Amino acid sequence: MSEATAEKTKRSDEGSVTVSERTLLVFDLVGEYCGLDVNLVREIVHVPPRITRVPNAPHYVRGVINLRGTVIPVLDCAMKMGGSQTGNTSESRIVVAEFEGIQFGVLVDAVREVRSVPDSLIESEDSSSAGSIGTEYVIGIAKMDDGRLIVLLDLAQLFEITQLLEEDN
């Protein structure tokens, strides 16, 4: 069970039932609601007026920012998935995430909420439901009671972080 998966026990007349759920940061990205395990998220920051470009970086690396003395690469999910560059609006944010000790920022269109989602509402990846997001970057789809679909992203796969770690070793 991942760190973001919690088990809650509900009491009923028949006894106790264990319900597993995940806590997600929900945000807008390329016209879709996307979710990210909150345990990967370190903080959410406004997009600074200037992101410093990095020469010879992959096309989806928008540049780097200085976050309280730490240089954080800023990655654009939309560009990585073959779309156009994410535009900066007043709602745009950088979600600073950490995976296996590597910190990076992910540019998103808007942050919506933090919410718990029962595992029973999450289905494994389904190309017809993921919309404009490639299925290789999707852990699953949460089908919410209100009709919304939340695409659960695999940032490590999306930005090939596991491969980077293997190259370093």
N, C-alpha and C. Protein backbone atom coordinates (compact mmCIF):
# COMPACT_ATOMS: atom_id res chain seq x y z
N MET A 1 0.85 -1.18 0.00
CA MET A 1 0.00 0.00 0.00
C MET A 1 0.89 1.24 0.00
N SER A 2 0.60 2.21 -0.90
CA SER A 2 1.42 3.42 -0.97
C SER A 2 1.16 4.28 0.24
N GLU A 3 2.05 5.27 0.41
CA GLU A 3 1.90 6.15 1.56
C GLU A 3 0.60 6.93 1.48
N ALA A 4 0.13 7.23 0.24
CA ALA A 4 -1.08 8.05 0.08
C ALA A 4 -2.33 7.23 0.26
N THR A 5 -2.22 5.93 0.28
CA THR A 5 -3.39 5.09 0.46
C THR A 5 -3.62 4.92 1.95
N ALA A 6 -4.79 5.31 2.37
CA ALA A 6 -5.13 5.21 3.79
C ALA A 6 -6.24 4.20 3.94
N GLU A 7 -6.29 3.57 5.07
CA GLU A 7 -7.39 2.66 5.35
C GLU A 7 -8.22 3.24 6.45
N LYS A 8 -9.51 3.27 6.22
CA LYS A 8 -10.44 3.75 7.22
C LYS A 8 -11.40 2.63 7.55
N THR A 9 -11.79 2.56 8.78
CA THR A 9 -12.73 1.53 9.19
C THR A 9 -14.07 2.19 9.47
N LYS A 10 -15.10 1.71 8.76
CA LYS A 10 -16.45 2.22 8.96
C LYS A 10 -17.24 1.18 9.73
N ARG A 11 -17.99 1.64 10.71
CA ARG A 11 -18.81 0.76 11.52
C ARG A 11 -20.21 0.65 10.90
N SER A 12 -20.72 -0.52 10.87
CA SER A 12 -22.09 -0.73 10.40
C SER A 12 -22.71 -1.82 11.25
N ASP A 13 -23.99 -2.11 11.01
CA ASP A 13 -24.68 -3.14 11.77
C ASP A 13 -24.05 -4.51 11.55
N GLU A 14 -23.49 -4.72 10.35
CA GLU A 14 -22.89 -6.02 10.02
C GLU A 14 -21.48 -6.18 10.58
N GLY A 15 -20.89 -5.14 11.06
CA GLY A 15 -19.52 -5.21 11.57
C GLY A 15 -18.72 -4.05 11.01
N SER A 16 -17.39 -4.20 10.97
CA SER A 16 -16.55 -3.12 10.44
C SER A 16 -16.07 -3.47 9.04
N VAL A 17 -15.97 -2.43 8.20
CA VAL A 17 -15.55 -2.58 6.82
C VAL A 17 -14.33 -1.68 6.61
N THR A 18 -13.28 -2.20 6.01
CA THR A 18 -12.09 -1.41 5.73
C THR A 18 -12.19 -0.83 4.33
N VAL A 19 -12.00 0.49 4.22
CA VAL A 19 -12.07 1.19 2.95
C VAL A 19 -10.71 1.81 2.67
N SER A 20 -10.11 1.45 1.52
CA SER A 20 -8.83 2.05 1.13
C SER A 20 -9.10 3.25 0.25
N GLU A 21 -8.31 4.28 0.45
CA GLU A 21 -8.46 5.49 -0.36
C GLU A 21 -7.12 6.15 -0.58
N ARG A 22 -7.09 7.02 -1.57
CA ARG A 22 -5.88 7.79 -1.89
C ARG A 22 -6.21 9.26 -1.73
N THR A 23 -5.22 10.02 -1.27
CA THR A 23 -5.38 11.46 -1.18
C THR A 23 -4.63 12.07 -2.36
N LEU A 24 -5.36 12.86 -3.14
CA LEU A 24 -4.82 13.40 -4.39
C LEU A 24 -4.85 14.91 -4.41
N LEU A 25 -3.85 15.50 -5.06
CA LEU A 25 -3.89 16.90 -5.45
C LEU A 25 -4.52 16.90 -6.84
N VAL A 26 -5.64 17.60 -7.00
CA VAL A 26 -6.34 17.64 -8.28
C VAL A 26 -6.04 18.98 -8.94
N PHE A 27 -5.66 18.93 -10.24
CA PHE A 27 -5.33 20.13 -10.98
C PHE A 27 -5.78 20.00 -12.42
N ASP A 28 -5.83 21.14 -13.12
CA ASP A 28 -6.18 21.17 -14.53
C ASP A 28 -4.91 21.08 -15.36
N LEU A 29 -4.98 20.26 -16.40
CA LEU A 29 -3.85 20.11 -17.31
C LEU A 29 -4.40 19.68 -18.66
N VAL A 30 -4.05 20.41 -19.68
CA VAL A 30 -4.49 20.16 -21.06
C VAL A 30 -5.97 19.82 -21.15
N GLY A 31 -6.80 20.59 -20.45
CA GLY A 31 -8.24 20.41 -20.52
C GLY A 31 -8.79 19.23 -19.76
N GLU A 32 -7.99 18.59 -18.93
CA GLU A 32 -8.41 17.43 -18.15
C GLU A 32 -8.20 17.72 -16.66
N TYR A 33 -9.00 17.05 -15.83
CA TYR A 33 -8.70 17.04 -14.39
C TYR A 33 -7.67 15.94 -14.19
N CYS A 34 -6.57 16.28 -13.53
CA CYS A 34 -5.51 15.30 -13.27
C CYS A 34 -5.28 15.24 -11.77
N GLY A 35 -4.78 14.09 -11.32
CA GLY A 35 -4.51 13.91 -9.91
C GLY A 35 -3.10 13.39 -9.70
N LEU A 36 -2.55 13.77 -8.57
CA LEU A 36 -1.21 13.39 -8.19
C LEU A 36 -1.21 13.03 -6.72
N ASP A 37 -0.58 11.94 -6.37
CA ASP A 37 -0.44 11.50 -4.98
C ASP A 37 0.13 12.65 -4.15
N VAL A 38 -0.57 13.07 -3.10
CA VAL A 38 -0.12 14.21 -2.30
C VAL A 38 1.22 13.96 -1.62
N ASN A 39 1.58 12.70 -1.42
CA ASN A 39 2.87 12.42 -0.79
C ASN A 39 4.05 12.76 -1.69
N LEU A 40 3.81 12.94 -2.98
CA LEU A 40 4.86 13.38 -3.89
C LEU A 40 5.01 14.90 -3.90
N VAL A 41 3.97 15.59 -3.47
CA VAL A 41 3.93 17.05 -3.54
C VAL A 41 4.64 17.66 -2.34
N ARG A 42 5.58 18.57 -2.60
CA ARG A 42 6.28 19.29 -1.53
C ARG A 42 5.63 20.64 -1.28
N GLU A 43 5.24 21.33 -2.36
CA GLU A 43 4.56 22.61 -2.23
C GLU A 43 4.03 23.05 -3.58
N ILE A 44 3.22 24.10 -3.54
CA ILE A 44 2.64 24.68 -4.75
C ILE A 44 3.02 26.15 -4.75
N VAL A 45 3.59 26.63 -5.85
CA VAL A 45 4.05 28.02 -5.91
C VAL A 45 3.49 28.71 -7.16
N HIS A 46 3.38 30.03 -7.07
CA HIS A 46 2.99 30.82 -8.22
C HIS A 46 4.11 30.73 -9.27
N VAL A 47 3.74 30.85 -10.52
CA VAL A 47 4.74 30.87 -11.59
C VAL A 47 5.44 32.22 -11.54
N PRO A 48 6.77 32.22 -11.39
CA PRO A 48 7.48 33.49 -11.32
C PRO A 48 7.44 34.19 -12.69
N PRO A 49 7.69 35.51 -12.69
CA PRO A 49 7.66 36.23 -13.96
C PRO A 49 8.70 35.70 -14.97
N ARG A 50 9.76 35.13 -14.44
CA ARG A 50 10.82 34.64 -15.34
C ARG A 50 11.28 33.26 -14.89
N ILE A 51 11.32 32.34 -15.85
CA ILE A 51 11.91 31.02 -15.64
C ILE A 51 13.18 30.99 -16.48
N THR A 52 14.30 30.71 -15.85
CA THR A 52 15.59 30.75 -16.55
C THR A 52 15.74 29.53 -17.46
N ARG A 53 15.93 29.78 -18.74
CA ARG A 53 16.09 28.70 -19.72
C ARG A 53 17.40 27.95 -19.48
N VAL A 54 17.41 26.68 -19.85
CA VAL A 54 18.60 25.84 -19.73
C VAL A 54 19.01 25.40 -21.13
N PRO A 55 20.23 25.75 -21.57
CA PRO A 55 20.66 25.35 -22.92
C PRO A 55 20.71 23.84 -23.06
N ASN A 56 20.34 23.34 -24.22
CA ASN A 56 20.40 21.92 -24.59
C ASN A 56 19.53 21.02 -23.71
N ALA A 57 18.56 21.58 -23.02
CA ALA A 57 17.63 20.77 -22.21
C ALA A 57 16.57 20.19 -23.14
N PRO A 58 15.94 19.08 -22.73
CA PRO A 58 14.83 18.54 -23.52
C PRO A 58 13.74 19.60 -23.73
N HIS A 59 12.98 19.46 -24.80
CA HIS A 59 11.99 20.47 -25.17
C HIS A 59 10.95 20.74 -24.09
N TYR A 60 10.66 19.77 -23.24
CA TYR A 60 9.63 19.94 -22.22
C TYR A 60 10.16 20.58 -20.94
N VAL A 61 11.46 20.85 -20.85
CA VAL A 61 12.03 21.54 -19.69
C VAL A 61 11.94 23.04 -19.97
N ARG A 62 11.04 23.70 -19.25
CA ARG A 62 10.84 25.14 -19.47
C ARG A 62 12.02 25.94 -18.95
N GLY A 63 12.75 25.39 -17.96
CA GLY A 63 13.88 26.08 -17.38
C GLY A 63 13.99 25.74 -15.92
N VAL A 64 14.62 26.63 -15.16
CA VAL A 64 14.80 26.42 -13.73
C VAL A 64 14.36 27.67 -12.98
N ILE A 65 13.97 27.45 -11.71
CA ILE A 65 13.66 28.56 -10.82
C ILE A 65 14.49 28.38 -9.55
N ASN A 66 14.70 29.48 -8.85
CA ASN A 66 15.38 29.45 -7.56
C ASN A 66 14.31 29.52 -6.49
N LEU A 67 14.14 28.43 -5.76
CA LEU A 67 13.12 28.36 -4.73
C LEU A 67 13.83 28.32 -3.37
N ARG A 68 13.93 29.47 -2.75
CA ARG A 68 14.59 29.60 -1.46
C ARG A 68 15.97 28.94 -1.44
N GLY A 69 16.76 29.24 -2.47
CA GLY A 69 18.14 28.75 -2.53
C GLY A 69 18.31 27.41 -3.20
N THR A 70 17.23 26.75 -3.60
CA THR A 70 17.32 25.47 -4.29
C THR A 70 16.90 25.67 -5.75
N VAL A 71 17.73 25.19 -6.65
CA VAL A 71 17.42 25.28 -8.07
C VAL A 71 16.49 24.12 -8.43
N ILE A 72 15.31 24.46 -8.95
CA ILE A 72 14.29 23.47 -9.27
C ILE A 72 14.02 23.52 -10.78
N PRO A 73 14.19 22.38 -11.48
CA PRO A 73 13.81 22.37 -12.89
C PRO A 73 12.29 22.42 -13.01
N VAL A 74 11.80 23.17 -14.00
CA VAL A 74 10.36 23.29 -14.23
C VAL A 74 10.04 22.55 -15.52
N LEU A 75 9.15 21.56 -15.40
CA LEU A 75 8.80 20.70 -16.51
C LEU A 75 7.38 20.99 -16.97
N ASP A 76 7.16 20.96 -18.27
CA ASP A 76 5.85 21.24 -18.85
C ASP A 76 5.24 19.94 -19.33
N CYS A 77 4.24 19.43 -18.60
CA CYS A 77 3.59 18.17 -18.95
C CYS A 77 2.97 18.22 -20.34
N ALA A 78 2.32 19.33 -20.67
CA ALA A 78 1.65 19.44 -21.97
C ALA A 78 2.65 19.25 -23.10
N MET A 79 3.81 19.86 -23.01
CA MET A 79 4.83 19.72 -24.05
C MET A 79 5.38 18.30 -24.09
N LYS A 80 5.56 17.68 -22.95
CA LYS A 80 6.09 16.31 -22.90
C LYS A 80 5.12 15.34 -23.57
N MET A 81 3.83 15.62 -23.46
CA MET A 81 2.82 14.74 -24.03
C MET A 81 2.49 15.09 -25.47
N GLY A 82 3.31 15.94 -26.07
CA GLY A 82 3.14 16.25 -27.48
C GLY A 82 2.26 17.44 -27.79
N GLY A 83 1.82 18.14 -26.77
CA GLY A 83 0.97 19.31 -26.99
C GLY A 83 1.77 20.58 -27.09
N SER A 84 1.06 21.69 -27.04
CA SER A 84 1.73 22.98 -27.09
C SER A 84 2.11 23.41 -25.68
N GLN A 85 2.96 24.40 -25.62
CA GLN A 85 3.46 24.91 -24.35
C GLN A 85 2.30 25.42 -23.49
N THR A 86 2.34 25.11 -22.20
CA THR A 86 1.32 25.58 -21.27
C THR A 86 1.45 27.09 -21.13
N GLY A 87 0.33 27.79 -21.35
CA GLY A 87 0.34 29.24 -21.21
C GLY A 87 0.25 29.63 -19.75
N ASN A 88 0.82 30.76 -19.41
CA ASN A 88 0.77 31.23 -18.03
C ASN A 88 -0.43 32.15 -17.84
N THR A 89 -1.29 31.81 -16.90
CA THR A 89 -2.44 32.65 -16.54
C THR A 89 -2.33 32.97 -15.06
N SER A 90 -3.29 33.70 -14.55
CA SER A 90 -3.26 34.03 -13.12
C SER A 90 -3.49 32.78 -12.27
N GLU A 91 -4.07 31.72 -12.85
CA GLU A 91 -4.31 30.48 -12.11
C GLU A 91 -3.18 29.46 -12.25
N SER A 92 -2.25 29.68 -13.18
CA SER A 92 -1.15 28.72 -13.39
C SER A 92 -0.30 28.61 -12.14
N ARG A 93 0.16 27.39 -11.88
CA ARG A 93 1.00 27.13 -10.71
C ARG A 93 2.10 26.15 -11.08
N ILE A 94 3.11 26.13 -10.24
CA ILE A 94 4.15 25.12 -10.32
C ILE A 94 3.97 24.21 -9.11
N VAL A 95 3.71 22.94 -9.37
CA VAL A 95 3.60 21.95 -8.30
C VAL A 95 5.00 21.37 -8.12
N VAL A 96 5.60 21.64 -6.97
CA VAL A 96 6.94 21.12 -6.69
C VAL A 96 6.76 19.73 -6.11
N ALA A 97 7.32 18.76 -6.81
CA ALA A 97 7.19 17.35 -6.42
C ALA A 97 8.57 16.78 -6.12
N GLU A 98 8.57 15.65 -5.42
CA GLU A 98 9.83 14.95 -5.14
C GLU A 98 9.60 13.47 -5.34
N PHE A 99 10.50 12.86 -6.10
CA PHE A 99 10.44 11.42 -6.34
C PHE A 99 11.85 10.87 -6.18
N GLU A 100 12.01 9.91 -5.26
CA GLU A 100 13.31 9.28 -5.02
C GLU A 100 14.42 10.31 -4.79
N GLY A 101 14.09 11.38 -4.05
CA GLY A 101 15.08 12.39 -3.70
C GLY A 101 15.31 13.46 -4.76
N ILE A 102 14.65 13.35 -5.91
CA ILE A 102 14.79 14.35 -6.97
C ILE A 102 13.61 15.31 -6.90
N GLN A 103 13.91 16.61 -6.75
CA GLN A 103 12.85 17.61 -6.73
C GLN A 103 12.73 18.25 -8.11
N PHE A 104 11.48 18.48 -8.52
CA PHE A 104 11.22 19.13 -9.80
C PHE A 104 9.87 19.81 -9.72
N GLY A 105 9.68 20.80 -10.56
CA GLY A 105 8.42 21.52 -10.61
C GLY A 105 7.66 21.11 -11.86
N VAL A 106 6.35 21.00 -11.72
CA VAL A 106 5.48 20.65 -12.84
C VAL A 106 4.53 21.82 -13.06
N LEU A 107 4.55 22.36 -14.27
CA LEU A 107 3.69 23.48 -14.61
C LEU A 107 2.29 22.97 -14.89
N VAL A 108 1.29 23.51 -14.18
CA VAL A 108 -0.11 23.10 -14.37
C VAL A 108 -0.95 24.34 -14.63
N ASP A 109 -2.11 24.13 -15.28
CA ASP A 109 -2.99 25.25 -15.62
C ASP A 109 -3.65 25.86 -14.39
N ALA A 110 -4.05 25.04 -13.44
CA ALA A 110 -4.68 25.53 -12.21
C ALA A 110 -4.75 24.39 -11.21
N VAL A 111 -4.58 24.71 -9.93
CA VAL A 111 -4.75 23.72 -8.86
C VAL A 111 -6.19 23.85 -8.37
N ARG A 112 -6.89 22.73 -8.25
CA ARG A 112 -8.31 22.74 -7.89
C ARG A 112 -8.58 22.37 -6.44
N GLU A 113 -8.03 21.22 -5.98
CA GLU A 113 -8.38 20.77 -4.63
C GLU A 113 -7.47 19.63 -4.20
N VAL A 114 -7.54 19.34 -2.91
CA VAL A 114 -6.97 18.11 -2.36
C VAL A 114 -8.16 17.29 -1.92
N ARG A 115 -8.23 16.03 -2.40
CA ARG A 115 -9.40 15.22 -2.06
C ARG A 115 -9.01 13.77 -1.90
N SER A 116 -9.76 13.11 -1.02
CA SER A 116 -9.61 11.67 -0.82
C SER A 116 -10.51 10.96 -1.81
N VAL A 117 -9.95 9.93 -2.45
CA VAL A 117 -10.70 9.17 -3.45
C VAL A 117 -10.63 7.70 -3.05
N PRO A 118 -11.78 7.07 -2.82
CA PRO A 118 -11.77 5.64 -2.50
C PRO A 118 -11.21 4.83 -3.68
N ASP A 119 -10.41 3.81 -3.37
CA ASP A 119 -9.84 2.96 -4.42
C ASP A 119 -10.93 2.32 -5.28
N SER A 120 -12.13 2.16 -4.73
CA SER A 120 -13.22 1.54 -5.49
C SER A 120 -13.66 2.41 -6.67
N LEU A 121 -13.34 3.71 -6.64
CA LEU A 121 -13.70 4.61 -7.75
C LEU A 121 -12.60 4.72 -8.79
N ILE A 122 -11.46 4.05 -8.55
CA ILE A 122 -10.32 4.16 -9.46
C ILE A 122 -10.25 2.90 -10.32
N GLU A 123 -10.24 3.14 -11.63
CA GLU A 123 -10.08 2.04 -12.58
C GLU A 123 -8.71 2.15 -13.20
N SER A 124 -8.15 1.01 -13.58
CA SER A 124 -6.84 1.04 -14.21
C SER A 124 -6.93 1.80 -15.52
N GLU A 125 -5.77 2.20 -16.04
CA GLU A 125 -5.73 3.05 -17.23
C GLU A 125 -6.66 2.55 -18.34
N ASP A 126 -7.27 3.51 -19.02
CA ASP A 126 -8.20 3.20 -20.10
C ASP A 126 -8.02 4.29 -21.15
N SER A 127 -7.50 3.93 -22.31
CA SER A 127 -7.16 4.92 -23.33
C SER A 127 -8.35 5.76 -23.76
N SER A 128 -9.56 5.22 -23.68
CA SER A 128 -10.72 5.99 -24.10
C SER A 128 -11.07 7.07 -23.08
N SER A 129 -10.66 6.91 -21.84
CA SER A 129 -11.00 7.88 -20.80
C SER A 129 -9.91 8.91 -20.55
N ALA A 130 -8.70 8.63 -20.98
CA ALA A 130 -7.58 9.51 -20.65
C ALA A 130 -7.55 10.76 -21.50
N GLY A 131 -8.38 10.86 -22.53
CA GLY A 131 -8.44 12.06 -23.35
C GLY A 131 -7.13 12.32 -24.06
N SER A 132 -6.59 13.52 -23.87
CA SER A 132 -5.38 13.92 -24.58
C SER A 132 -4.10 13.49 -23.87
N ILE A 133 -4.22 12.74 -22.81
CA ILE A 133 -3.05 12.31 -22.05
C ILE A 133 -2.70 10.89 -22.45
N GLY A 134 -1.44 10.65 -22.79
CA GLY A 134 -1.00 9.32 -23.20
C GLY A 134 -1.16 8.30 -22.09
N THR A 135 -1.65 7.11 -22.43
CA THR A 135 -1.92 6.10 -21.41
C THR A 135 -0.65 5.61 -20.73
N GLU A 136 0.50 5.76 -21.36
CA GLU A 136 1.73 5.32 -20.71
C GLU A 136 2.09 6.16 -19.50
N TYR A 137 1.44 7.32 -19.34
CA TYR A 137 1.70 8.22 -18.22
C TYR A 137 0.60 8.16 -17.18
N VAL A 138 -0.35 7.23 -17.34
CA VAL A 138 -1.53 7.19 -16.49
C VAL A 138 -1.51 5.97 -15.59
N ILE A 139 -1.73 6.18 -14.29
CA ILE A 139 -1.84 5.09 -13.32
C ILE A 139 -3.26 4.54 -13.34
N GLY A 140 -4.23 5.43 -13.45
CA GLY A 140 -5.63 5.03 -13.46
C GLY A 140 -6.53 6.23 -13.65
N ILE A 141 -7.83 5.97 -13.69
CA ILE A 141 -8.83 7.01 -13.84
C ILE A 141 -9.80 6.91 -12.67
N ALA A 142 -9.97 8.03 -11.95
CA ALA A 142 -10.94 8.07 -10.87
C ALA A 142 -12.25 8.58 -11.44
N LYS A 143 -13.30 7.77 -11.33
CA LYS A 143 -14.62 8.14 -11.81
C LYS A 143 -15.43 8.60 -10.61
N MET A 144 -15.52 9.92 -10.47
CA MET A 144 -16.13 10.52 -9.30
C MET A 144 -17.66 10.44 -9.37
N ASP A 145 -18.30 10.49 -8.21
CA ASP A 145 -19.76 10.41 -8.12
C ASP A 145 -20.45 11.56 -8.85
N ASP A 146 -19.77 12.71 -8.97
CA ASP A 146 -20.38 13.86 -9.66
C ASP A 146 -20.19 13.81 -11.17
N GLY A 147 -19.62 12.72 -11.68
CA GLY A 147 -19.45 12.55 -13.12
C GLY A 147 -18.08 12.95 -13.65
N ARG A 148 -17.28 13.62 -12.83
CA ARG A 148 -15.95 14.03 -13.28
C ARG A 148 -15.03 12.82 -13.38
N LEU A 149 -14.08 12.90 -14.29
CA LEU A 149 -13.01 11.92 -14.39
C LEU A 149 -11.72 12.61 -13.98
N ILE A 150 -10.95 11.97 -13.10
CA ILE A 150 -9.65 12.50 -12.68
C ILE A 150 -8.59 11.51 -13.14
N VAL A 151 -7.71 11.98 -14.00
CA VAL A 151 -6.64 11.14 -14.54
C VAL A 151 -5.49 11.15 -13.54
N LEU A 152 -5.13 9.97 -13.03
CA LEU A 152 -4.04 9.87 -12.06
C LEU A 152 -2.73 9.72 -12.83
N LEU A 153 -1.86 10.71 -12.70
CA LEU A 153 -0.62 10.73 -13.47
C LEU A 153 0.51 10.00 -12.77
N ASP A 154 1.35 9.38 -13.57
CA ASP A 154 2.58 8.75 -13.10
C ASP A 154 3.72 9.67 -13.53
N LEU A 155 4.08 10.63 -12.66
CA LEU A 155 5.11 11.61 -13.01
C LEU A 155 6.46 10.97 -13.24
N ALA A 156 6.77 9.92 -12.48
CA ALA A 156 8.06 9.25 -12.65
C ALA A 156 8.16 8.69 -14.07
N GLN A 157 7.09 8.11 -14.57
CA GLN A 157 7.08 7.57 -15.93
C GLN A 157 7.07 8.70 -16.96
N LEU A 158 6.27 9.72 -16.70
CA LEU A 158 6.13 10.83 -17.64
C LEU A 158 7.47 11.51 -17.91
N PHE A 159 8.22 11.75 -16.86
CA PHE A 159 9.49 12.46 -17.02
C PHE A 159 10.70 11.53 -16.93
N GLU A 160 10.45 10.23 -17.00
CA GLU A 160 11.51 9.21 -17.05
C GLU A 160 12.50 9.35 -15.90
N ILE A 161 11.99 9.63 -14.70
CA ILE A 161 12.85 9.86 -13.54
C ILE A 161 13.52 8.56 -13.10
N THR A 162 12.81 7.44 -13.19
CA THR A 162 13.41 6.17 -12.82
C THR A 162 14.62 5.87 -13.69
N GLN A 163 14.52 6.18 -14.97
CA GLN A 163 15.64 5.97 -15.88
C GLN A 163 16.82 6.88 -15.53
N LEU A 164 16.51 8.11 -15.14
CA LEU A 164 17.58 9.02 -14.72
C LEU A 164 18.31 8.49 -13.50
N LEU A 165 17.54 7.94 -12.55
CA LEU A 165 18.17 7.37 -11.35
C LEU A 165 19.05 6.20 -11.69
N GLU A 166 18.61 5.35 -12.62
CA GLU A 166 19.42 4.20 -13.03
C GLU A 166 20.70 4.63 -13.72
N GLU A 167 20.65 5.71 -14.52
CA GLU A 167 21.84 6.22 -15.19
C GLU A 167 22.85 6.77 -14.20
N ASP A 168 22.36 7.36 -13.09
CA ASP A 168 23.25 7.93 -12.08
C ASP A 168 23.99 6.85 -11.31
N ASN A 169 23.43 5.64 -11.23
CA ASN A 169 24.05 4.58 -10.42
C ASN A 169 25.03 3.76 -11.21
